[in-house]
Amino acid sequence: MDSDNNKNDFATVTSAPNPRNSASASNACLSLTSVSLLEGNSGTTAFNFTAQLNVVAPATVTFNADTANGTATVAGLDYTALTSVPFSIPAGNLSVTVPVQVTGDTTVEPDETFTVTLSSVVGANPVRQR
């Protein structure tokens, strides 16, 4: 029954949860940038992907990175594969570099591709990449 006194009619919540759509640290999201570079004719070139948070997390965020062949089908010759390589973003930071070494050659070929996938994310919500 309404007494026309909000203090009496509604319980006071001393610790309200964060709204699901807020940009609070409890809703930190982890995403990965894309990279497009020339491989070069020799040696290796670091393709530096950035794993980044949308907000600063209060604790360290950890995850693993893996590569998968695309049109670059010879992991080890076209690039150095990552297999469950652990990375972390320390508390108070927003990003970390995930380097993939790409091997240059003089073979005439179309642009080659590979993918980097993040897994086993702890401390943030992974953003689904398309």
N, C-alpha and C. Protein backbone atom coordinates (compact mmCIF):
# COMPACT_ATOMS: atom_id res chain seq x y z
N MET A 1 0.84 -1.16 0.00
CA MET A 1 0.00 0.00 0.00
C MET A 1 0.90 1.23 0.00
N ASP A 2 0.51 2.23 -0.76
CA ASP A 2 1.28 3.45 -0.91
C ASP A 2 0.93 4.43 0.19
N SER A 3 1.96 4.84 0.96
CA SER A 3 1.72 5.78 2.06
C SER A 3 2.06 7.21 1.66
N ASP A 4 2.45 7.42 0.39
CA ASP A 4 2.88 8.72 -0.11
C ASP A 4 4.17 9.18 0.55
N ASN A 5 4.94 8.25 1.09
CA ASN A 5 6.23 8.56 1.69
C ASN A 5 7.23 7.55 1.11
N ASN A 6 8.03 8.02 0.15
CA ASN A 6 8.95 7.12 -0.55
C ASN A 6 9.93 6.42 0.40
N LYS A 7 10.36 7.11 1.44
CA LYS A 7 11.30 6.50 2.38
C LYS A 7 10.69 5.27 3.04
N ASN A 8 9.43 5.33 3.33
CA ASN A 8 8.74 4.20 3.95
C ASN A 8 8.30 3.16 2.93
N ASP A 9 7.99 3.59 1.71
CA ASP A 9 7.43 2.69 0.71
C ASP A 9 8.50 1.88 -0.05
N PHE A 10 9.73 2.37 -0.12
CA PHE A 10 10.76 1.69 -0.89
C PHE A 10 11.98 1.40 -0.02
N ALA A 11 12.45 0.18 -0.12
CA ALA A 11 13.67 -0.20 0.61
C ALA A 11 14.85 0.52 -0.01
N THR A 12 15.78 0.93 0.83
CA THR A 12 16.99 1.58 0.35
C THR A 12 18.05 0.53 0.10
N VAL A 13 18.58 0.51 -1.11
CA VAL A 13 19.64 -0.43 -1.46
C VAL A 13 20.97 0.24 -1.16
N THR A 14 21.77 -0.40 -0.30
CA THR A 14 23.03 0.22 0.08
C THR A 14 24.14 -0.03 -0.93
N SER A 15 24.01 -1.07 -1.73
CA SER A 15 25.04 -1.38 -2.72
C SER A 15 24.36 -1.88 -3.98
N ALA A 16 24.00 -0.96 -4.84
CA ALA A 16 23.32 -1.32 -6.07
C ALA A 16 24.31 -1.90 -7.08
N PRO A 17 23.91 -2.93 -7.81
CA PRO A 17 24.80 -3.48 -8.83
C PRO A 17 24.96 -2.51 -9.99
N ASN A 18 26.04 -2.67 -10.73
CA ASN A 18 26.24 -1.84 -11.91
C ASN A 18 25.24 -2.25 -12.99
N PRO A 19 24.70 -1.29 -13.70
CA PRO A 19 23.81 -1.64 -14.81
C PRO A 19 24.58 -2.46 -15.85
N ARG A 20 23.90 -3.38 -16.51
CA ARG A 20 24.57 -4.25 -17.47
C ARG A 20 25.14 -3.49 -18.64
N ASN A 21 24.61 -2.34 -18.97
CA ASN A 21 25.09 -1.60 -20.12
C ASN A 21 26.07 -0.49 -19.74
N SER A 22 26.56 -0.50 -18.52
CA SER A 22 27.47 0.55 -18.11
C SER A 22 28.88 0.25 -18.60
N ALA A 23 29.74 1.24 -18.55
CA ALA A 23 31.13 1.07 -18.94
C ALA A 23 32.00 0.92 -17.70
N SER A 24 31.49 0.22 -16.71
CA SER A 24 32.25 0.02 -15.49
C SER A 24 33.29 -1.07 -15.69
N ALA A 25 34.25 -1.12 -14.79
CA ALA A 25 35.32 -2.11 -14.89
C ALA A 25 34.78 -3.54 -14.88
N SER A 26 33.66 -3.76 -14.20
CA SER A 26 33.11 -5.12 -14.17
C SER A 26 32.57 -5.54 -15.54
N ASN A 27 32.43 -4.59 -16.44
CA ASN A 27 31.96 -4.88 -17.78
C ASN A 27 33.06 -4.66 -18.82
N ALA A 28 34.32 -4.85 -18.42
CA ALA A 28 35.43 -4.67 -19.36
C ALA A 28 35.29 -5.67 -20.50
N CYS A 29 35.50 -5.18 -21.72
CA CYS A 29 35.43 -6.03 -22.92
C CYS A 29 36.80 -6.04 -23.60
N LEU A 30 37.23 -7.22 -24.02
CA LEU A 30 38.52 -7.41 -24.67
C LEU A 30 38.32 -7.63 -26.16
N SER A 31 39.00 -6.81 -26.97
CA SER A 31 38.92 -6.97 -28.42
C SER A 31 40.33 -6.96 -29.01
N LEU A 32 40.43 -7.30 -30.28
CA LEU A 32 41.71 -7.40 -30.97
C LEU A 32 41.65 -6.58 -32.24
N THR A 33 42.66 -5.74 -32.47
CA THR A 33 42.73 -4.94 -33.68
C THR A 33 43.16 -5.82 -34.85
N SER A 34 42.89 -5.37 -36.06
CA SER A 34 43.38 -6.07 -37.24
C SER A 34 44.66 -5.39 -37.73
N VAL A 35 45.43 -6.13 -38.52
CA VAL A 35 46.70 -5.61 -39.04
C VAL A 35 46.79 -5.95 -40.52
N SER A 36 47.28 -5.01 -41.32
CA SER A 36 47.52 -5.25 -42.74
C SER A 36 48.85 -4.58 -43.09
N LEU A 37 49.85 -5.41 -43.35
CA LEU A 37 51.19 -4.92 -43.67
C LEU A 37 51.78 -5.71 -44.81
N LEU A 38 52.85 -5.18 -45.41
CA LEU A 38 53.62 -5.93 -46.39
C LEU A 38 54.57 -6.85 -45.65
N GLU A 39 54.75 -8.07 -46.16
CA GLU A 39 55.63 -9.03 -45.48
C GLU A 39 57.11 -8.75 -45.74
N GLY A 40 57.42 -8.06 -46.82
CA GLY A 40 58.82 -7.81 -47.17
C GLY A 40 59.38 -8.96 -47.99
N ASN A 41 60.61 -8.78 -48.50
CA ASN A 41 61.23 -9.77 -49.37
C ASN A 41 62.16 -10.73 -48.64
N SER A 42 62.48 -10.43 -47.40
CA SER A 42 63.35 -11.32 -46.62
C SER A 42 63.21 -10.99 -45.14
N GLY A 43 63.75 -11.86 -44.31
CA GLY A 43 63.68 -11.64 -42.87
C GLY A 43 62.27 -11.78 -42.35
N THR A 44 62.05 -11.25 -41.15
CA THR A 44 60.72 -11.30 -40.56
C THR A 44 60.23 -9.90 -40.24
N THR A 45 58.93 -9.76 -40.26
CA THR A 45 58.27 -8.51 -39.91
C THR A 45 57.25 -8.81 -38.82
N ALA A 46 57.28 -8.05 -37.75
CA ALA A 46 56.31 -8.24 -36.67
C ALA A 46 54.99 -7.61 -37.08
N PHE A 47 53.96 -8.41 -37.13
CA PHE A 47 52.60 -7.92 -37.29
C PHE A 47 52.06 -7.78 -35.87
N ASN A 48 51.99 -6.54 -35.38
CA ASN A 48 51.63 -6.27 -33.99
C ASN A 48 50.14 -6.00 -33.85
N PHE A 49 49.43 -7.00 -33.38
CA PHE A 49 48.01 -6.86 -33.08
C PHE A 49 47.91 -6.26 -31.67
N THR A 50 46.86 -5.50 -31.41
CA THR A 50 46.66 -4.93 -30.08
C THR A 50 45.42 -5.54 -29.46
N ALA A 51 45.60 -6.21 -28.33
CA ALA A 51 44.48 -6.68 -27.52
C ALA A 51 44.16 -5.53 -26.58
N GLN A 52 42.92 -5.04 -26.65
CA GLN A 52 42.59 -3.83 -25.89
C GLN A 52 41.28 -3.96 -25.15
N LEU A 53 41.24 -3.27 -24.00
CA LEU A 53 40.03 -3.21 -23.17
C LEU A 53 39.30 -1.91 -23.46
N ASN A 54 37.99 -1.92 -23.29
CA ASN A 54 37.22 -0.69 -23.46
C ASN A 54 37.27 0.20 -22.21
N VAL A 55 37.57 -0.39 -21.05
CA VAL A 55 37.74 0.35 -19.80
C VAL A 55 38.89 -0.30 -19.03
N VAL A 56 39.47 0.44 -18.12
CA VAL A 56 40.55 -0.11 -17.29
C VAL A 56 39.96 -1.15 -16.35
N ALA A 57 40.55 -2.32 -16.33
CA ALA A 57 40.09 -3.37 -15.43
C ALA A 57 40.78 -3.22 -14.08
N PRO A 58 40.09 -3.53 -12.98
CA PRO A 58 40.67 -3.38 -11.66
C PRO A 58 41.69 -4.48 -11.33
N ALA A 59 41.68 -5.56 -12.09
CA ALA A 59 42.62 -6.67 -11.86
C ALA A 59 43.20 -7.08 -13.21
N THR A 60 44.28 -7.84 -13.17
CA THR A 60 44.94 -8.29 -14.39
C THR A 60 43.98 -9.13 -15.23
N VAL A 61 43.96 -8.86 -16.53
CA VAL A 61 43.17 -9.64 -17.49
C VAL A 61 44.14 -10.58 -18.20
N THR A 62 43.80 -11.87 -18.24
CA THR A 62 44.66 -12.85 -18.90
C THR A 62 43.90 -13.53 -20.04
N PHE A 63 44.66 -13.99 -21.03
CA PHE A 63 44.07 -14.69 -22.18
C PHE A 63 45.17 -15.41 -22.93
N ASN A 64 44.77 -16.29 -23.82
CA ASN A 64 45.71 -16.99 -24.71
C ASN A 64 45.45 -16.53 -26.14
N ALA A 65 46.50 -16.57 -26.97
CA ALA A 65 46.37 -16.21 -28.38
C ALA A 65 46.80 -17.39 -29.23
N ASP A 66 46.03 -17.63 -30.30
CA ASP A 66 46.31 -18.69 -31.27
C ASP A 66 46.20 -18.10 -32.67
N THR A 67 47.00 -18.63 -33.59
CA THR A 67 46.86 -18.27 -34.99
C THR A 67 46.26 -19.44 -35.75
N ALA A 68 45.64 -19.13 -36.87
CA ALA A 68 45.10 -20.16 -37.76
C ALA A 68 45.37 -19.73 -39.20
N ASN A 69 45.69 -20.70 -40.03
CA ASN A 69 45.95 -20.42 -41.44
C ASN A 69 44.72 -19.85 -42.12
N GLY A 70 44.97 -18.92 -43.02
CA GLY A 70 43.97 -18.44 -43.97
C GLY A 70 44.53 -18.85 -45.32
N THR A 71 44.86 -17.85 -46.14
CA THR A 71 45.56 -18.16 -47.40
C THR A 71 47.05 -18.33 -47.16
N ALA A 72 47.55 -17.84 -46.03
CA ALA A 72 48.92 -18.15 -45.61
C ALA A 72 48.82 -19.53 -44.98
N THR A 73 49.12 -20.54 -45.76
CA THR A 73 48.82 -21.91 -45.35
C THR A 73 50.00 -22.67 -44.78
N VAL A 74 51.13 -22.05 -44.72
CA VAL A 74 52.30 -22.78 -44.23
C VAL A 74 52.83 -22.10 -42.98
N ALA A 75 52.15 -22.34 -41.84
CA ALA A 75 52.65 -21.80 -40.58
C ALA A 75 54.06 -22.35 -40.39
N GLY A 76 54.99 -21.49 -40.12
CA GLY A 76 56.39 -21.90 -40.02
C GLY A 76 57.19 -21.38 -41.21
N LEU A 77 56.54 -21.25 -42.37
CA LEU A 77 57.20 -20.67 -43.53
C LEU A 77 56.67 -19.27 -43.82
N ASP A 78 55.36 -19.11 -43.80
CA ASP A 78 54.77 -17.79 -44.04
C ASP A 78 54.75 -16.94 -42.78
N TYR A 79 54.56 -17.58 -41.63
CA TYR A 79 54.54 -16.87 -40.35
C TYR A 79 54.83 -17.86 -39.24
N THR A 80 55.15 -17.34 -38.06
CA THR A 80 55.39 -18.18 -36.90
C THR A 80 54.08 -18.31 -36.13
N ALA A 81 53.60 -19.54 -36.04
CA ALA A 81 52.30 -19.79 -35.40
C ALA A 81 52.34 -19.51 -33.90
N LEU A 82 51.21 -19.08 -33.37
CA LEU A 82 51.00 -18.97 -31.93
C LEU A 82 50.04 -20.09 -31.53
N THR A 83 50.39 -20.82 -30.49
CA THR A 83 49.53 -21.89 -30.00
C THR A 83 49.35 -21.73 -28.50
N SER A 84 48.20 -21.24 -28.11
CA SER A 84 47.87 -21.01 -26.69
C SER A 84 48.97 -20.23 -25.97
N VAL A 85 49.44 -19.17 -26.59
CA VAL A 85 50.48 -18.32 -25.99
C VAL A 85 49.80 -17.39 -24.98
N PRO A 86 50.24 -17.41 -23.71
CA PRO A 86 49.59 -16.58 -22.70
C PRO A 86 50.02 -15.11 -22.77
N PHE A 87 49.05 -14.24 -22.56
CA PHE A 87 49.28 -12.79 -22.49
C PHE A 87 48.49 -12.26 -21.31
N SER A 88 48.87 -11.06 -20.85
CA SER A 88 48.11 -10.42 -19.78
C SER A 88 48.14 -8.91 -19.94
N ILE A 89 47.07 -8.29 -19.48
CA ILE A 89 46.99 -6.84 -19.40
C ILE A 89 46.94 -6.52 -17.91
N PRO A 90 48.01 -5.93 -17.38
CA PRO A 90 48.05 -5.64 -15.93
C PRO A 90 46.94 -4.68 -15.51
N ALA A 91 46.51 -4.82 -14.28
CA ALA A 91 45.51 -3.91 -13.71
C ALA A 91 45.95 -2.48 -13.94
N GLY A 92 45.02 -1.62 -14.31
CA GLY A 92 45.31 -0.21 -14.54
C GLY A 92 45.74 0.10 -15.97
N ASN A 93 45.91 -0.92 -16.81
CA ASN A 93 46.30 -0.72 -18.20
C ASN A 93 45.13 -1.05 -19.12
N LEU A 94 45.28 -0.65 -20.38
CA LEU A 94 44.21 -0.88 -21.35
C LEU A 94 44.56 -1.84 -22.47
N SER A 95 45.86 -2.14 -22.68
CA SER A 95 46.19 -2.95 -23.86
C SER A 95 47.53 -3.66 -23.70
N VAL A 96 47.73 -4.62 -24.61
CA VAL A 96 49.00 -5.32 -24.73
C VAL A 96 49.17 -5.69 -26.20
N THR A 97 50.41 -5.75 -26.67
CA THR A 97 50.70 -6.12 -28.05
C THR A 97 50.81 -7.63 -28.18
N VAL A 98 50.17 -8.16 -29.21
CA VAL A 98 50.24 -9.59 -29.54
C VAL A 98 50.98 -9.68 -30.87
N PRO A 99 52.31 -9.91 -30.84
CA PRO A 99 53.08 -9.92 -32.09
C PRO A 99 53.06 -11.29 -32.78
N VAL A 100 52.94 -11.26 -34.10
CA VAL A 100 53.07 -12.46 -34.92
C VAL A 100 54.17 -12.17 -35.94
N GLN A 101 55.19 -13.01 -35.97
CA GLN A 101 56.31 -12.82 -36.89
C GLN A 101 55.95 -13.39 -38.26
N VAL A 102 56.00 -12.53 -39.28
CA VAL A 102 55.68 -12.93 -40.65
C VAL A 102 56.98 -12.96 -41.44
N THR A 103 57.17 -14.04 -42.20
CA THR A 103 58.42 -14.25 -42.94
C THR A 103 58.28 -13.72 -44.36
N GLY A 104 59.22 -12.85 -44.75
CA GLY A 104 59.22 -12.28 -46.09
C GLY A 104 59.82 -13.25 -47.11
N ASP A 105 59.37 -13.12 -48.35
CA ASP A 105 59.94 -13.92 -49.44
C ASP A 105 59.77 -13.16 -50.74
N THR A 106 60.40 -13.65 -51.80
CA THR A 106 60.31 -12.98 -53.10
C THR A 106 59.35 -13.68 -54.05
N THR A 107 58.59 -14.64 -53.54
CA THR A 107 57.61 -15.34 -54.36
C THR A 107 56.49 -14.38 -54.75
N VAL A 108 56.15 -14.35 -56.05
CA VAL A 108 55.05 -13.51 -56.49
C VAL A 108 53.75 -14.25 -56.14
N GLU A 109 52.95 -13.63 -55.30
CA GLU A 109 51.74 -14.27 -54.80
C GLU A 109 50.73 -13.21 -54.40
N PRO A 110 49.45 -13.58 -54.34
CA PRO A 110 48.44 -12.62 -53.85
C PRO A 110 48.63 -12.40 -52.35
N ASP A 111 47.95 -11.38 -51.83
CA ASP A 111 48.00 -11.12 -50.39
C ASP A 111 47.60 -12.38 -49.64
N GLU A 112 48.31 -12.65 -48.55
CA GLU A 112 48.04 -13.83 -47.74
C GLU A 112 47.43 -13.42 -46.41
N THR A 113 46.63 -14.31 -45.84
CA THR A 113 45.94 -14.01 -44.59
C THR A 113 46.10 -15.13 -43.58
N PHE A 114 45.99 -14.75 -42.32
CA PHE A 114 45.88 -15.69 -41.21
C PHE A 114 45.05 -14.99 -40.15
N THR A 115 44.56 -15.74 -39.20
CA THR A 115 43.74 -15.13 -38.14
C THR A 115 44.40 -15.33 -36.79
N VAL A 116 44.11 -14.42 -35.89
CA VAL A 116 44.53 -14.52 -34.50
C VAL A 116 43.25 -14.58 -33.67
N THR A 117 43.18 -15.56 -32.79
CA THR A 117 42.02 -15.75 -31.93
C THR A 117 42.44 -15.70 -30.48
N LEU A 118 41.64 -15.01 -29.66
CA LEU A 118 41.89 -14.94 -28.22
C LEU A 118 40.95 -15.94 -27.53
N SER A 119 41.49 -16.65 -26.54
CA SER A 119 40.69 -17.63 -25.81
C SER A 119 41.06 -17.61 -24.34
N SER A 120 40.31 -18.36 -23.55
CA SER A 120 40.55 -18.48 -22.11
C SER A 120 40.69 -17.12 -21.43
N VAL A 121 39.81 -16.20 -21.79
CA VAL A 121 39.85 -14.84 -21.25
C VAL A 121 39.35 -14.84 -19.81
N VAL A 122 40.14 -14.25 -18.90
CA VAL A 122 39.77 -14.13 -17.49
C VAL A 122 39.89 -12.65 -17.11
N GLY A 123 38.83 -12.10 -16.54
CA GLY A 123 38.86 -10.72 -16.07
C GLY A 123 38.21 -9.73 -17.01
N ALA A 124 37.70 -10.19 -18.15
CA ALA A 124 37.01 -9.34 -19.11
C ALA A 124 36.10 -10.21 -19.97
N ASN A 125 35.21 -9.55 -20.69
CA ASN A 125 34.33 -10.25 -21.61
C ASN A 125 34.94 -10.17 -23.00
N PRO A 126 35.14 -11.31 -23.68
CA PRO A 126 35.70 -11.25 -25.03
C PRO A 126 34.66 -10.69 -26.01
N VAL A 127 35.12 -9.83 -26.91
CA VAL A 127 34.26 -9.30 -27.94
C VAL A 127 34.36 -10.24 -29.14
N ARG A 128 33.24 -10.65 -29.64
CA ARG A 128 33.22 -11.56 -30.78
C ARG A 128 33.67 -10.82 -32.02
N GLN A 129 34.71 -11.32 -32.67
CA GLN A 129 35.22 -10.71 -33.89
C GLN A 129 34.48 -11.28 -35.09
N ARG A 130 34.29 -10.47 -36.11
CA ARG A 130 33.64 -10.95 -37.34
C ARG A 130 34.66 -11.15 -38.41
